[in-house]
């Protein structure tokens, strides 16, 4: 199967009342160079949690926008790609049929799925919906991230093509194991066994296995402690 892809890049901007972000991206045509750290001309803010080799690209399914529009009609004009800050948007690839470790051929490049996107509070601000990050996490409409196995020239004229699959852990499965299941060592082992899992997710899952506890991720979802109510 071939999946035509729209491509987006963006620069870090300052937002009154929130931290700098590169979530606002613009569509680009023509050829671009893809390196280990992402597309030429694309930036990430707060690189401790964004960007890097395991998070070089963000992919968000275009079909999710219609569902978000149905759920939040007052913000319908905002739910248009690339509003979630994605670099790649397609129709036909979702969290249900994309798996940890999948390798896609894209032009001259090879890219590998590393983890679900971990939603953060900046999407709440961007869409003016106070709990959108939590809703993304709960519904697994998160999108996913890639590492670049082989760089090269890519373009919107070059569709994504699945080149290799070695895991049985879908993005939805990974999200369920990480965020929706009670502590389950067997399922954590299953996720950790998925070839290609990002270093940060590997570290987090191993810490949970050692401690027997799930970390507090409220700061990621809301930017501070979990709001009351």
Foldseek 3Di string as FASTA:
>chain_A
DWWQKWFWAFDWDCDPPDHTAGLDIDTDFDKWWADQFETPRHDGPPVVQATDQAFNFFEAELVVLVVVCVVPVVLNVQSGPPNRSGGIYTHPDALVPAFAQWWKDFPPWIKGWAAFAQAFQVSCVSSVPQQVSVVCLVVVSGTTGIGTPGIDMGGSVTTIDTDDADAPQGNVNRSCQQPPDQDDLVSLVNVLPGPRHDPVSNVQSVVCVVVVDHDDCCCRRRVDHNDDD
